[in-house]
């Protein structure tokens, strides 16, 4: 799994390659931790299912992923929809 809830501060970390199985884990973390922040500085890839969970959940997102496509195309959309 590439989705982890850090024990301090309500931060959900996305790192490495987040595949379709990570979407459910991310959704569960977001539901259990309202107001959580996503840290994705170590993220190399996001499956479309993970992006959809982020779009619907609209958490605050911090950092910049290591993948240029995510930085250029996905990050602006997620920041625009953040609460």
Protein backbone atom coordinates (compact mmCIF):
# COMPACT_ATOMS: atom_id res chain seq x y z
CA UNK A 1 0.00 0.00 0.00
CA UNK A 2 1.19 3.46 -0.87
CA UNK A 3 -1.28 5.29 1.39
CA UNK A 4 -0.41 5.81 5.05
CA UNK A 5 -1.96 7.85 7.83
CA UNK A 6 0.77 9.55 9.82
CA UNK A 7 0.20 9.32 13.53
CA UNK A 8 0.54 13.06 14.07
CA UNK A 9 -1.42 15.95 12.63
CA UNK A 10 -4.02 14.16 10.51
CA UNK A 11 -1.74 13.82 7.48
CA UNK A 12 -2.32 11.13 4.88
CA UNK A 13 0.84 10.37 2.94
CA UNK A 14 0.79 9.18 -0.66
CA UNK A 15 4.11 7.83 -1.92
CA UNK A 16 5.50 5.68 -4.69
CA UNK A 17 3.02 4.25 -7.15
CA UNK A 18 -0.56 4.52 -5.88
CA UNK A 19 -2.58 1.88 -7.68
CA UNK A 20 -6.31 1.16 -7.84
CA UNK A 21 -6.25 -0.77 -4.55
CA UNK A 22 -5.02 2.37 -2.79
CA UNK A 23 -8.20 4.27 -3.68
CA UNK A 24 -10.28 2.41 -1.10
CA UNK A 25 -7.64 2.83 1.61
CA UNK A 26 -7.44 6.55 0.86
CA UNK A 27 -11.21 6.92 0.98
CA UNK A 28 -11.37 5.14 4.35
CA UNK A 29 -8.64 7.40 5.77
CA UNK A 30 -10.42 10.51 4.50
CA UNK A 31 -13.76 9.41 5.96
CA UNK A 32 -12.20 8.56 9.32
CA UNK A 33 -10.15 11.77 9.46
CA UNK A 34 -12.20 14.77 8.32
CA UNK A 35 -9.98 17.73 7.62
CA UNK A 36 -6.94 15.54 6.92
CA UNK A 37 -4.20 16.92 4.69
CA UNK A 38 -2.66 14.95 1.83
CA UNK A 39 1.14 14.94 1.60
CA UNK A 40 2.23 13.67 -1.81
CA UNK A 41 5.83 14.82 -2.16
CA UNK A 42 6.97 11.22 -2.63
CA UNK A 43 4.24 10.29 -5.10
CA UNK A 44 5.41 8.90 -8.45
CA UNK A 45 2.08 7.78 -9.94
CA UNK A 46 -1.63 8.00 -9.13
CA UNK A 47 -4.17 5.64 -10.63
CA UNK A 48 -7.30 7.41 -11.91
CA UNK A 49 -9.31 5.86 -9.07
CA UNK A 50 -7.06 7.59 -6.51
CA UNK A 51 -7.41 10.90 -8.36
CA UNK A 52 -11.20 10.50 -8.27
CA UNK A 53 -11.17 9.94 -4.50
CA UNK A 54 -9.08 13.09 -4.10
CA UNK A 55 -11.43 15.09 -6.32
CA UNK A 56 -14.53 13.96 -4.43
CA UNK A 57 -12.98 14.24 -0.96
CA UNK A 58 -11.36 17.60 -1.76
CA UNK A 59 -8.76 17.45 1.02
CA UNK A 60 -6.02 20.03 1.34
CA UNK A 61 -2.98 18.90 -0.64
CA UNK A 62 0.58 19.89 0.18
CA UNK A 63 3.89 19.30 -1.49
CA UNK A 64 4.60 18.49 -5.12
CA UNK A 65 4.66 14.96 -6.52
CA UNK A 66 7.79 13.66 -8.24
CA UNK A 67 5.88 12.96 -11.46
CA UNK A 68 5.86 15.86 -13.94
CA UNK A 69 2.40 14.97 -15.30
CA UNK A 70 0.90 15.04 -11.80
CA UNK A 71 2.60 18.33 -11.02
CA UNK A 72 1.53 19.97 -14.27
CA UNK A 73 -1.97 18.62 -14.79
CA UNK A 74 -3.40 17.06 -11.63
CA UNK A 75 -2.03 19.33 -8.89
CA UNK A 76 -3.74 22.49 -10.19
CA UNK A 77 -7.11 20.70 -10.27
CA UNK A 78 -6.71 19.33 -6.75
CA UNK A 79 -5.64 22.68 -5.35
CA UNK A 80 -8.58 24.37 -7.03
CA UNK A 81 -11.06 21.94 -5.44
CA UNK A 82 -9.47 21.94 -1.96
CA UNK A 83 -11.68 23.13 0.86
